[in-house]
């Protein structure tokens, strides 16, 4: 059977299971369609699919159970959707994947030439998974990287301003696969998506911005989308399309900018943008935004906002009535 004829994965729904049942059911499913490897007590690897493109994702068990459809890793959802080979590394607690067995696993993939067997390789992760995706991408030079709100490092000598993860400071971020901005320099192209309104995430993103990576790394601001950027981009259909671009060797600023135009049709983004413009008390901006949106789609809130501005303008132009004698 050719790759194009390979039947898609049929994913079970694990979203309602408790932690223990979820873990057992996920393992049982993966073993029925691929390989499930325990690297140590806190890091497990899932390998599924037989496509000629490889997606490597880094995900936490907590995020999978709380955020993902079906309670399944995002990597498996994309294996089903894109018909690619997927390696997903799951951390059962927030370790930032800083563990010798994880290093050894990627060393083995490199030594065995596994990455060379694929037409394209893409690494993906969010937050601590974004850190790991960038850091371990060095194992596959020439790969593409898509990371959302990644942490550059939690080495306190460099990020003493980030107090969110106090207990993790005991981990070493200075040994192998340590400083993500250095490791991602081996990528063909790396896309770093972040919210500039989140000060700490923006500061981590800034650490990726080195002159030597100017051509191979894009930092892209995602505004007015809320804190859960990955879920919003996925709901818009942008996230999987961006990863697909990475898996096809077409990921760059131009391609993502084209995909990001989908926000112009995304109601939650437009409503948030309207609220922020109204808070600025800039009626001309409200008029421009509302008219632009209403040319493309019917959006009652934009119509009401435009009507309010028009009413205010008419009231301001109306002549004052003379006082009664």
C-alpha atoms as a PDB file:
ATOM      1  CA  UNK A   1       0.000   0.000   0.000  1.00  0.00           C
ATOM      2  CA  UNK A   2       1.394   3.422  -0.943  1.00  0.00           C
ATOM      3  CA  UNK A   3       1.631   6.284   1.508  1.00  0.00           C
ATOM      4  CA  UNK A   4      -1.300   8.024  -0.164  1.00  0.00           C
ATOM      5  CA  UNK A   5      -3.408   4.903   0.337  1.00  0.00           C
ATOM      6  CA  UNK A   6      -2.601   4.501   4.029  1.00  0.00           C
ATOM      7  CA  UNK A   7      -5.868   4.715   5.965  1.00  0.00           C
ATOM      8  CA  UNK A   8      -6.047   7.625   8.411  1.00  0.00           C
ATOM      9  CA  UNK A   9      -5.786   7.030  12.120  1.00  0.00           C
ATOM     10  CA  UNK A  10      -9.031   6.584  14.018  1.00  0.00           C
ATOM     11  CA  UNK A  11      -8.542   8.324  17.339  1.00  0.00           C
ATOM     12  CA  UNK A  12     -10.478   7.347  20.473  1.00  0.00           C
ATOM     13  CA  UNK A  13     -12.037   9.933  22.772  1.00  0.00           C
ATOM     14  CA  UNK A  14     -10.101  10.007  26.054  1.00  0.00           C
ATOM     15  CA  UNK A  15     -11.302  13.418  27.194  1.00  0.00           C
ATOM     16  CA  UNK A  16     -13.541  12.216  30.023  1.00  0.00           C
ATOM     17  CA  UNK A  17     -11.088   9.787  31.610  1.00  0.00           C
ATOM     18  CA  UNK A  18      -9.286  10.329  34.907  1.00  0.00           C
ATOM     19  CA  UNK A  19      -5.503  10.655  34.887  1.00  0.00           C
ATOM     20  CA  UNK A  20      -4.739   6.978  35.438  1.00  0.00           C
ATOM     21  CA  UNK A  21      -7.293   5.682  32.918  1.00  0.00           C
ATOM     22  CA  UNK A  22      -6.209   8.324  30.428  1.00  0.00           C
ATOM     23  CA  UNK A  23      -2.572   7.277  30.652  1.00  0.00           C
ATOM     24  CA  UNK A  24      -3.384   3.581  30.287  1.00  0.00           C
ATOM     25  CA  UNK A  25      -5.800   4.132  27.416  1.00  0.00           C
ATOM     26  CA  UNK A  26      -3.393   6.392  25.544  1.00  0.00           C
ATOM     27  CA  UNK A  27      -0.641   3.820  25.869  1.00  0.00           C
ATOM     28  CA  UNK A  28      -2.909   0.999  24.735  1.00  0.00           C
ATOM     29  CA  UNK A  29      -4.042   2.941  21.699  1.00  0.00           C
ATOM     30  CA  UNK A  30      -0.554   3.998  20.636  1.00  0.00           C
ATOM     31  CA  UNK A  31       0.782   0.464  20.982  1.00  0.00           C
ATOM     32  CA  UNK A  32      -1.994  -0.703  18.657  1.00  0.00           C
ATOM     33  CA  UNK A  33      -0.934   1.671  15.874  1.00  0.00           C
ATOM     34  CA  UNK A  34       2.727   2.471  16.588  1.00  0.00           C
ATOM     35  CA  UNK A  35       5.322   2.476  19.337  1.00  0.00           C
ATOM     36  CA  UNK A  36       5.144   3.658  22.938  1.00  0.00           C
ATOM     37  CA  UNK A  37       8.448   4.113  24.759  1.00  0.00           C
ATOM     38  CA  UNK A  38       9.071   5.021  28.384  1.00  0.00           C
ATOM     39  CA  UNK A  39      12.278   7.009  28.527  1.00  0.00           C
ATOM     40  CA  UNK A  40      11.972   7.387  32.294  1.00  0.00           C
ATOM     41  CA  UNK A  41       9.247   7.942  34.874  1.00  0.00           C
ATOM     42  CA  UNK A  42       8.479  11.420  33.570  1.00  0.00           C
ATOM     43  CA  UNK A  43       9.052  11.230  29.804  1.00  0.00           C
ATOM     44  CA  UNK A  44       7.278   8.990  27.330  1.00  0.00           C
ATOM     45  CA  UNK A  45       7.567   8.835  23.538  1.00  0.00           C
ATOM     46  CA  UNK A  46       4.789   8.114  21.046  1.00  0.00           C
ATOM     47  CA  UNK A  47       5.654   7.140  17.455  1.00  0.00           C
ATOM     48  CA  UNK A  48       2.888   6.732  14.875  1.00  0.00           C
ATOM     49  CA  UNK A  49       2.398   7.037  11.126  1.00  0.00           C
ATOM     50  CA  UNK A  50       4.428   6.068   8.083  1.00  0.00           C
ATOM     51  CA  UNK A  51       4.537   9.244   6.021  1.00  0.00           C
ATOM     52  CA  UNK A  52       7.697  10.542   4.373  1.00  0.00           C
ATOM     53  CA  UNK A  53       7.571  13.720   6.464  1.00  0.00           C
ATOM     54  CA  UNK A  54       8.302  13.807  10.190  1.00  0.00           C
ATOM     55  CA  UNK A  55       6.679  15.996  12.817  1.00  0.00           C
ATOM     56  CA  UNK A  56       8.283  16.072  16.273  1.00  0.00           C
ATOM     57  CA  UNK A  57       6.125  17.555  19.035  1.00  0.00           C
ATOM     58  CA  UNK A  58       6.776  18.217  22.714  1.00  0.00           C
ATOM     59  CA  UNK A  59       3.703  18.221  24.925  1.00  0.00           C
ATOM     60  CA  UNK A  60       2.838  18.071  28.611  1.00  0.00           C
ATOM     61  CA  UNK A  61       0.290  15.593  29.920  1.00  0.00           C
ATOM     62  CA  UNK A  62      -1.536  18.391  31.746  1.00  0.00           C
ATOM     63  CA  UNK A  63      -2.000  20.425  28.562  1.00  0.00           C
ATOM     64  CA  UNK A  64      -3.114  17.406  26.571  1.00  0.00           C
ATOM     65  CA  UNK A  65      -5.794  16.466  29.076  1.00  0.00           C
ATOM     66  CA  UNK A  66      -7.074  20.022  29.543  1.00  0.00           C
ATOM     67  CA  UNK A  67      -6.763  21.592  26.095  1.00  0.00           C
ATOM     68  CA  UNK A  68      -6.725  19.069  23.284  1.00  0.00           C
ATOM     69  CA  UNK A  69      -9.662  17.584  21.412  1.00  0.00           C
ATOM     70  CA  UNK A  70     -10.413  13.999  22.427  1.00  0.00           C
ATOM     71  CA  UNK A  71      -7.806  14.266  25.194  1.00  0.00           C
ATOM     72  CA  UNK A  72      -5.219  13.250  22.592  1.00  0.00           C
ATOM     73  CA  UNK A  73      -1.769  14.753  21.962  1.00  0.00           C
ATOM     74  CA  UNK A  74      -1.777  17.391  19.251  1.00  0.00           C
ATOM     75  CA  UNK A  75       0.857  15.380  17.420  1.00  0.00           C
ATOM     76  CA  UNK A  76      -1.580  12.481  17.004  1.00  0.00           C
ATOM     77  CA  UNK A  77      -4.322  14.819  15.830  1.00  0.00           C
ATOM     78  CA  UNK A  78      -1.948  16.074  13.130  1.00  0.00           C
ATOM     79  CA  UNK A  79      -0.849  12.538  12.250  1.00  0.00           C
ATOM     80  CA  UNK A  80      -4.497  11.855  11.517  1.00  0.00           C
ATOM     81  CA  UNK A  81      -5.022  15.101   9.594  1.00  0.00           C
ATOM     82  CA  UNK A  82      -1.791  15.428   7.620  1.00  0.00           C
ATOM     83  CA  UNK A  83      -0.806  11.770   7.081  1.00  0.00           C
ATOM     84  CA  UNK A  84       2.713  12.244   8.414  1.00  0.00           C
ATOM     85  CA  UNK A  85       4.979  10.354  10.758  1.00  0.00           C
ATOM     86  CA  UNK A  86       4.846  11.798  14.253  1.00  0.00           C
ATOM     87  CA  UNK A  87       7.145  11.501  17.251  1.00  0.00           C
ATOM     88  CA  UNK A  88       5.578  13.062  20.329  1.00  0.00           C
ATOM     89  CA  UNK A  89       7.537  13.385  23.555  1.00  0.00           C
ATOM     90  CA  UNK A  90       5.269  13.794  26.564  1.00  0.00           C
ATOM     91  CA  UNK A  91       6.393  15.067  29.956  1.00  0.00           C
ATOM     92  CA  UNK A  92       4.199  13.808  32.780  1.00  0.00           C
ATOM     93  CA  UNK A  93       5.263  16.703  34.972  1.00  0.00           C
ATOM     94  CA  UNK A  94       6.773  20.083  33.989  1.00  0.00           C
ATOM     95  CA  UNK A  95      10.417  19.115  33.476  1.00  0.00           C
ATOM     96  CA  UNK A  96      11.086  21.268  30.404  1.00  0.00           C
ATOM     97  CA  UNK A  97      12.379  17.934  28.998  1.00  0.00           C
ATOM     98  CA  UNK A  98      15.661  18.491  30.819  1.00  0.00           C
ATOM     99  CA  UNK A  99      16.600  14.852  31.445  1.00  0.00           C
ATOM    100  CA  UNK A 100      19.441  12.617  30.292  1.00  0.00           C
ATOM    101  CA  UNK A 101      17.116   9.936  28.827  1.00  0.00           C
ATOM    102  CA  UNK A 102      15.607  12.587  26.544  1.00  0.00           C
ATOM    103  CA  UNK A 103      19.077  13.677  25.437  1.00  0.00           C
ATOM    104  CA  UNK A 104      19.998  10.050  24.800  1.00  0.00           C
ATOM    105  CA  UNK A 105      16.860   9.494  22.739  1.00  0.00           C
ATOM    106  CA  UNK A 106      17.691  12.353  20.370  1.00  0.00           C
ATOM    107  CA  UNK A 107      21.335  11.351  20.253  1.00  0.00           C
ATOM    108  CA  UNK A 108      20.215   7.911  19.093  1.00  0.00           C
ATOM    109  CA  UNK A 109      17.916   9.349  16.419  1.00  0.00           C
ATOM    110  CA  UNK A 110      20.822  11.390  15.085  1.00  0.00           C
ATOM    111  CA  UNK A 111      23.358   8.566  15.254  1.00  0.00           C
ATOM    112  CA  UNK A 112      20.982   6.177  13.469  1.00  0.00           C
ATOM    113  CA  UNK A 113      20.275   8.701  10.719  1.00  0.00           C
ATOM    114  CA  UNK A 114      16.535   8.617  11.420  1.00  0.00           C
ATOM    115  CA  UNK A 115      16.023  12.259  10.469  1.00  0.00           C
ATOM    116  CA  UNK A 116      17.784  11.671   7.139  1.00  0.00           C
ATOM    117  CA  UNK A 117      15.080   9.176   6.150  1.00  0.00           C
ATOM    118  CA  UNK A 118      12.455  11.911   5.857  1.00  0.00           C
ATOM    119  CA  UNK A 119      11.836  14.439   3.129  1.00  0.00           C
ATOM    120  CA  UNK A 120      11.140  17.189   5.661  1.00  0.00           C
ATOM    121  CA  UNK A 121      11.257  17.435   9.448  1.00  0.00           C
ATOM    122  CA  UNK A 122       9.366  19.959  11.583  1.00  0.00           C
ATOM    123  CA  UNK A 123       9.574  20.522  15.355  1.00  0.00           C
ATOM    124  CA  UNK A 124       6.613  22.004  17.226  1.00  0.00           C
ATOM    125  CA  UNK A 125       5.811  23.004  20.810  1.00  0.00           C
ATOM    126  CA  UNK A 126       4.133  25.578  23.057  1.00  0.00           C
ATOM    127  CA  UNK A 127       5.577  27.196  26.197  1.00  0.00           C
ATOM    128  CA  UNK A 128       7.852  24.624  27.814  1.00  0.00           C
ATOM    129  CA  UNK A 129       7.228  22.422  24.766  1.00  0.00           C
ATOM    130  CA  UNK A 130       8.261  25.357  22.596  1.00  0.00           C
ATOM    131  CA  UNK A 131      11.504  25.563  24.532  1.00  0.00           C
ATOM    132  CA  UNK A 132      12.151  21.860  23.908  1.00  0.00           C
ATOM    133  CA  UNK A 133      11.180  22.005  20.229  1.00  0.00           C
ATOM    134  CA  UNK A 134      13.676  24.794  19.651  1.00  0.00           C
ATOM    135  CA  UNK A 135      16.392  23.199  21.785  1.00  0.00           C
ATOM    136  CA  UNK A 136      16.207  19.681  20.333  1.00  0.00           C
ATOM    137  CA  UNK A 137      15.789  20.846  16.744  1.00  0.00           C
ATOM    138  CA  UNK A 138      19.596  21.000  16.625  1.00  0.00           C
ATOM    139  CA  UNK A 139      19.502  17.193  16.396  1.00  0.00           C
ATOM    140  CA  UNK A 140      18.052  17.567  12.876  1.00  0.00           C
ATOM    141  CA  UNK A 141      19.909  20.402  11.108  1.00  0.00           C
ATOM    142  CA  UNK A 142      17.882  21.892   8.288  1.00  0.00           C
ATOM    143  CA  UNK A 143      14.542  21.133   9.913  1.00  0.00           C
ATOM    144  CA  UNK A 144      11.789  23.707  10.349  1.00  0.00           C
ATOM    145  CA  UNK A 145      10.599  24.861  13.783  1.00  0.00           C
ATOM    146  CA  UNK A 146       7.228  26.263  14.848  1.00  0.00           C
ATOM    147  CA  UNK A 147       7.096  27.404  18.475  1.00  0.00           C
ATOM    148  CA  UNK A 148       4.492  29.407  20.372  1.00  0.00           C
ATOM    149  CA  UNK A 149       5.424  31.490  23.418  1.00  0.00           C
ATOM    150  CA  UNK A 150       8.656  29.501  23.854  1.00  0.00           C
ATOM    151  CA  UNK A 151      10.934  29.899  26.838  1.00  0.00           C
ATOM    152  CA  UNK A 152      14.511  30.576  25.804  1.00  0.00           C
ATOM    153  CA  UNK A 153      15.971  29.227  29.052  1.00  0.00           C
ATOM    154  CA  UNK A 154      15.210  29.284  32.758  1.00  0.00           C
ATOM    155  CA  UNK A 155      18.829  29.761  33.734  1.00  0.00           C
ATOM    156  CA  UNK A 156      18.461  32.364  36.527  1.00  0.00           C
ATOM    157  CA  UNK A 157      21.597  34.140  35.393  1.00  0.00           C
ATOM    158  CA  UNK A 158      19.793  35.100  32.172  1.00  0.00           C
ATOM    159  CA  UNK A 159      16.138  35.137  33.179  1.00  0.00           C
ATOM    160  CA  UNK A 160      16.056  36.337  36.766  1.00  0.00           C
ATOM    161  CA  UNK A 161      13.115  38.524  35.700  1.00  0.00           C
ATOM    162  CA  UNK A 162      10.908  35.446  35.171  1.00  0.00           C
ATOM    163  CA  UNK A 163       9.648  34.304  38.578  1.00  0.00           C
ATOM    164  CA  UNK A 164       6.875  31.994  37.317  1.00  0.00           C
ATOM    165  CA  UNK A 165       8.734  28.700  37.672  1.00  0.00           C
ATOM    166  CA  UNK A 166      10.689  28.884  40.896  1.00  0.00           C
ATOM    167  CA  UNK A 167      11.094  25.158  41.537  1.00  0.00           C
ATOM    168  CA  UNK A 168      12.341  24.504  38.017  1.00  0.00           C
ATOM    169  CA  UNK A 169      15.372  26.717  38.612  1.00  0.00           C
ATOM    170  CA  UNK A 170      17.111  23.704  40.115  1.00  0.00           C
ATOM    171  CA  UNK A 171      17.246  22.094  36.670  1.00  0.00           C
ATOM    172  CA  UNK A 172      20.335  22.686  34.593  1.00  0.00           C
ATOM    173  CA  UNK A 173      19.820  24.747  31.451  1.00  0.00           C
ATOM    174  CA  UNK A 174      23.527  25.045  30.722  1.00  0.00           C
ATOM    175  CA  UNK A 175      24.444  21.516  29.647  1.00  0.00           C
ATOM    176  CA  UNK A 176      23.541  19.739  26.391  1.00  0.00           C
ATOM    177  CA  UNK A 177      20.551  20.996  24.409  1.00  0.00           C
ATOM    178  CA  UNK A 178      20.436  23.833  26.915  1.00  0.00           C
ATOM    179  CA  UNK A 179      20.017  27.337  25.507  1.00  0.00           C
ATOM    180  CA  UNK A 180      17.205  27.203  22.955  1.00  0.00           C
ATOM    181  CA  UNK A 181      18.190  30.322  20.920  1.00  0.00           C
ATOM    182  CA  UNK A 182      21.588  28.760  20.219  1.00  0.00           C
ATOM    183  CA  UNK A 183      20.158  25.373  19.293  1.00  0.00           C
ATOM    184  CA  UNK A 184      17.518  26.706  16.883  1.00  0.00           C
ATOM    185  CA  UNK A 185      20.222  28.311  14.770  1.00  0.00           C
ATOM    186  CA  UNK A 186      20.626  25.010  12.910  1.00  0.00           C
ATOM    187  CA  UNK A 187      17.058  25.137  11.589  1.00  0.00           C
ATOM    188  CA  UNK A 188      16.190  25.918   7.988  1.00  0.00           C
ATOM    189  CA  UNK A 189      13.561  28.290   9.295  1.00  0.00           C
ATOM    190  CA  UNK A 190      12.209  28.869  12.788  1.00  0.00           C
ATOM    191  CA  UNK A 191       8.943  30.696  13.458  1.00  0.00           C
ATOM    192  CA  UNK A 192       8.536  32.147  16.958  1.00  0.00           C
ATOM    193  CA  UNK A 193       4.966  33.268  17.667  1.00  0.00           C
ATOM    194  CA  UNK A 194       4.285  35.349  20.773  1.00  0.00           C
ATOM    195  CA  UNK A 195       1.986  37.932  22.320  1.00  0.00           C
ATOM    196  CA  UNK A 196       3.826  41.250  22.772  1.00  0.00           C
ATOM    197  CA  UNK A 197       1.324  42.214  25.485  1.00  0.00           C
ATOM    198  CA  UNK A 198       2.597  39.339  27.662  1.00  0.00           C
ATOM    199  CA  UNK A 199       5.755  40.927  28.987  1.00  0.00           C
ATOM    200  CA  UNK A 200       7.511  37.746  30.121  1.00  0.00           C
ATOM    201  CA  UNK A 201       6.788  35.799  26.944  1.00  0.00           C
ATOM    202  CA  UNK A 202       7.870  38.799  24.884  1.00  0.00           C
ATOM    203  CA  UNK A 203      11.153  38.962  26.796  1.00  0.00           C
ATOM    204  CA  UNK A 204      11.802  35.265  26.182  1.00  0.00           C
ATOM    205  CA  UNK A 205      11.035  35.831  22.507  1.00  0.00           C
ATOM    206  CA  UNK A 206      13.527  38.693  22.391  1.00  0.00           C
ATOM    207  CA  UNK A 207      16.301  36.311  23.446  1.00  0.00           C
ATOM    208  CA  UNK A 208      15.747  34.424  20.173  1.00  0.00           C
ATOM    209  CA  UNK A 209      16.361  37.576  18.136  1.00  0.00           C
ATOM    210  CA  UNK A 210      20.041  37.341  17.278  1.00  0.00           C
ATOM    211  CA  UNK A 211      21.504  39.036  14.184  1.00  0.00           C
ATOM    212  CA  UNK A 212      23.072  35.777  13.008  1.00  0.00           C
ATOM    213  CA  UNK A 213      19.598  34.230  12.719  1.00  0.00           C
ATOM    214  CA  UNK A 214      18.059  37.125  10.791  1.00  0.00           C
ATOM    215  CA  UNK A 215      17.392  35.119   7.631  1.00  0.00           C
ATOM    216  CA  UNK A 216      16.400  31.844   9.251  1.00  0.00           C
ATOM    217  CA  UNK A 217      14.288  33.002  12.166  1.00  0.00           C
ATOM    218  CA  UNK A 218      11.059  34.970  12.247  1.00  0.00           C
ATOM    219  CA  UNK A 219       9.595  36.457  15.408  1.00  0.00           C
ATOM    220  CA  UNK A 220       5.937  37.236  14.764  1.00  0.00           C
ATOM    221  CA  UNK A 221       3.679  39.220  17.074  1.00  0.00           C
ATOM    222  CA  UNK A 222       0.202  37.772  17.652  1.00  0.00           C
ATOM    223  CA  UNK A 223      -1.974  40.526  19.108  1.00  0.00           C
ATOM    224  CA  UNK A 224      -5.511  40.581  20.472  1.00  0.00           C
ATOM    225  CA  UNK A 225      -5.815  36.778  20.628  1.00  0.00           C
ATOM    226  CA  UNK A 226      -5.734  36.151  24.392  1.00  0.00           C
ATOM    227  CA  UNK A 227      -3.311  34.032  26.349  1.00  0.00           C
ATOM    228  CA  UNK A 228      -3.957  30.637  24.753  1.00  0.00           C
ATOM    229  CA  UNK A 229      -2.475  31.415  21.354  1.00  0.00           C
ATOM    230  CA  UNK A 230      -2.201  27.799  20.240  1.00  0.00           C
ATOM    231  CA  UNK A 231      -5.891  27.049  20.755  1.00  0.00           C
ATOM    232  CA  UNK A 232      -6.964  30.235  18.986  1.00  0.00           C
ATOM    233  CA  UNK A 233      -4.656  29.661  16.015  1.00  0.00           C
ATOM    234  CA  UNK A 234      -5.854  26.077  15.811  1.00  0.00           C
ATOM    235  CA  UNK A 235      -9.496  27.169  15.876  1.00  0.00           C
ATOM    236  CA  UNK A 236      -8.759  29.554  13.014  1.00  0.00           C
ATOM    237  CA  UNK A 237      -7.164  26.739  10.994  1.00  0.00           C
ATOM    238  CA  UNK A 238      -3.829  28.540  10.958  1.00  0.00           C
ATOM    239  CA  UNK A 239      -1.808  26.275  13.238  1.00  0.00           C
ATOM    240  CA  UNK A 240      -2.021  23.033  11.286  1.00  0.00           C
ATOM    241  CA  UNK A 241      -1.505  24.937   8.029  1.00  0.00           C
ATOM    242  CA  UNK A 242       1.649  26.556   9.464  1.00  0.00           C
ATOM    243  CA  UNK A 243       3.024  23.192  10.551  1.00  0.00           C
ATOM    244  CA  UNK A 244       2.100  21.785   7.143  1.00  0.00           C
ATOM    245  CA  UNK A 245       4.204  24.565   5.593  1.00  0.00           C
ATOM    246  CA  UNK A 246       7.113  23.510   7.806  1.00  0.00           C
ATOM    247  CA  UNK A 247       6.644  19.899   6.778  1.00  0.00           C
ATOM    248  CA  UNK A 248       6.765  20.969   3.132  1.00  0.00           C
ATOM    249  CA  UNK A 249       9.822  23.219   3.368  1.00  0.00           C
ATOM    250  CA  UNK A 250       7.685  26.299   2.621  1.00  0.00           C
ATOM    251  CA  UNK A 251       7.705  27.940   6.036  1.00  0.00           C
ATOM    252  CA  UNK A 252       8.764  31.575   6.006  1.00  0.00           C
ATOM    253  CA  UNK A 253       7.460  35.023   6.892  1.00  0.00           C
ATOM    254  CA  UNK A 254       5.557  35.428   3.645  1.00  0.00           C
ATOM    255  CA  UNK A 255       3.709  32.123   3.988  1.00  0.00           C
ATOM    256  CA  UNK A 256       2.727  32.721   7.613  1.00  0.00           C
ATOM    257  CA  UNK A 257       1.621  36.273   6.831  1.00  0.00           C
ATOM    258  CA  UNK A 258      -0.684  34.864   4.168  1.00  0.00           C
ATOM    259  CA  UNK A 259      -2.146  32.365   6.618  1.00  0.00           C
ATOM    260  CA  UNK A 260      -2.512  34.968   9.353  1.00  0.00           C
ATOM    261  CA  UNK A 261      -4.875  36.984   7.181  1.00  0.00           C
ATOM    262  CA  UNK A 262      -7.531  34.523   8.362  1.00  0.00           C
ATOM    263  CA  UNK A 263      -7.855  36.694  11.471  1.00  0.00           C
ATOM    264  CA  UNK A 264      -9.813  39.149   9.313  1.00  0.00           C
ATOM    265  CA  UNK A 265     -12.686  36.654   9.333  1.00  0.00           C
ATOM    266  CA  UNK A 266     -12.327  35.465  12.929  1.00  0.00           C
ATOM    267  CA  UNK A 267     -15.103  36.887  15.094  1.00  0.00           C
ATOM    268  CA  UNK A 268     -13.429  36.726  18.548  1.00  0.00           C
ATOM    269  CA  UNK A 269     -10.362  38.569  17.234  1.00  0.00           C
ATOM    270  CA  UNK A 270     -12.485  41.244  15.559  1.00  0.00           C
ATOM    271  CA  UNK A 271     -14.612  41.767  18.674  1.00  0.00           C
ATOM    272  CA  UNK A 272     -11.509  42.116  20.866  1.00  0.00           C
ATOM    273  CA  UNK A 273      -9.966  44.550  18.398  1.00  0.00           C
ATOM    274  CA  UNK A 274     -13.164  46.606  18.325  1.00  0.00           C
ATOM    275  CA  UNK A 275     -13.285  46.779  22.136  1.00  0.00           C
ATOM    276  CA  UNK A 276      -9.697  47.992  22.307  1.00  0.00           C
ATOM    277  CA  UNK A 277     -10.273  50.631  19.631  1.00  0.00           C
ATOM    278  CA  UNK A 278     -13.436  51.833  21.393  1.00  0.00           C
ATOM    279  CA  UNK A 279     -11.524  52.085  24.682  1.00  0.00           C
ATOM    280  CA  UNK A 280      -9.104  54.466  22.953  1.00  0.00           C
ATOM    281  CA  UNK A 281     -12.041  56.805  22.210  1.00  0.00           C
ATOM    282  CA  UNK A 282     -11.003  57.062  18.551  1.00  0.00           C
ATOM    283  CA  UNK A 283     -14.244  57.280  16.545  1.00  0.00           C
ATOM    284  CA  UNK A 284     -12.411  57.477  13.215  1.00  0.00           C
ATOM    285  CA  UNK A 285     -10.655  54.195  13.951  1.00  0.00           C
ATOM    286  CA  UNK A 286     -13.943  52.604  14.986  1.00  0.00           C
ATOM    287  CA  UNK A 287     -15.499  53.780  11.722  1.00  0.00           C
ATOM    288  CA  UNK A 288     -12.625  52.451   9.624  1.00  0.00           C
ATOM    289  CA  UNK A 289     -12.602  49.085  11.386  1.00  0.00           C
ATOM    290  CA  UNK A 290     -16.369  48.603  11.297  1.00  0.00           C
ATOM    291  CA  UNK A 291     -16.685  49.601   7.647  1.00  0.00           C
ATOM    292  CA  UNK A 292     -13.788  47.346   6.660  1.00  0.00           C
ATOM    293  CA  UNK A 293     -15.314  44.336   8.424  1.00  0.00           C
ATOM    294  CA  UNK A 294     -18.857  44.989   7.205  1.00  0.00           C
ATOM    295  CA  UNK A 295     -17.627  45.025   3.604  1.00  0.00           C
ATOM    296  CA  UNK A 296     -16.607  41.380   4.059  1.00  0.00           C
ATOM    297  CA  UNK A 297     -19.115  39.911   6.483  1.00  0.00           C
ATOM    298  CA  UNK A 298     -22.268  40.573   8.455  1.00  0.00           C
ATOM    299  CA  UNK A 299     -21.285  41.313  12.033  1.00  0.00           C
ATOM    300  CA  UNK A 300     -24.016  42.945  14.148  1.00  0.00           C
ATOM    301  CA  UNK A 301     -21.625  44.243  16.775  1.00  0.00           C
ATOM    302  CA  UNK A 302     -19.657  46.129  14.109  1.00  0.00           C
ATOM    303  CA  UNK A 303     -22.916  47.532  12.717  1.00  0.00           C
ATOM    304  CA  UNK A 304     -23.976  48.755  16.171  1.00  0.00           C
ATOM    305  CA  UNK A 305     -20.572  50.331  16.778  1.00  0.00           C
ATOM    306  CA  UNK A 306     -20.722  52.132  13.448  1.00  0.00           C
ATOM    307  CA  UNK A 307     -24.257  53.336  14.155  1.00  0.00           C
ATOM    308  CA  UNK A 308     -23.154  54.734  17.526  1.00  0.00           C
ATOM    309  CA  UNK A 309     -20.347  56.714  15.915  1.00  0.00           C
ATOM    310  CA  UNK A 310     -22.673  58.041  13.227  1.00  0.00           C
ATOM    311  CA  UNK A 311     -25.240  59.070  15.853  1.00  0.00           C
ATOM    312  CA  UNK A 312     -22.551  60.879  17.836  1.00  0.00           C
ATOM    313  CA  UNK A 313     -21.346  62.690  14.729  1.00  0.00           C
ATOM    314  CA  UNK A 314     -24.875  63.766  13.813  1.00  0.00           C
ATOM    315  CA  UNK A 315     -25.486  64.978  17.359  1.00  0.00           C
ATOM    316  CA  UNK A 316     -22.286  67.009  17.343  1.00  0.00           C
ATOM    317  CA  UNK A 317     -23.255  68.696  14.047  1.00  0.00           C
ATOM    318  CA  UNK A 318     -26.832  69.477  15.051  1.00  0.00           C
ATOM    319  CA  UNK A 319     -27.369  73.222  15.719  1.00  0.00           C
ATOM    320  CA  UNK A 320     -28.205  74.207  19.249  1.00  0.00           C
ATOM    321  CA  UNK A 321     -31.831  75.098  19.816  1.00  0.00           C
ATOM    322  CA  UNK A 322     -32.387  78.662  21.108  1.00  0.00           C
ATOM    323  CA  UNK A 323     -33.508  78.824  24.682  1.00  0.00           C
ATOM    324  CA  UNK A 324     -37.196  79.494  25.182  1.00  0.00           C
ATOM    325  CA  UNK A 325     -37.992  83.044  26.306  1.00  0.00           C
END
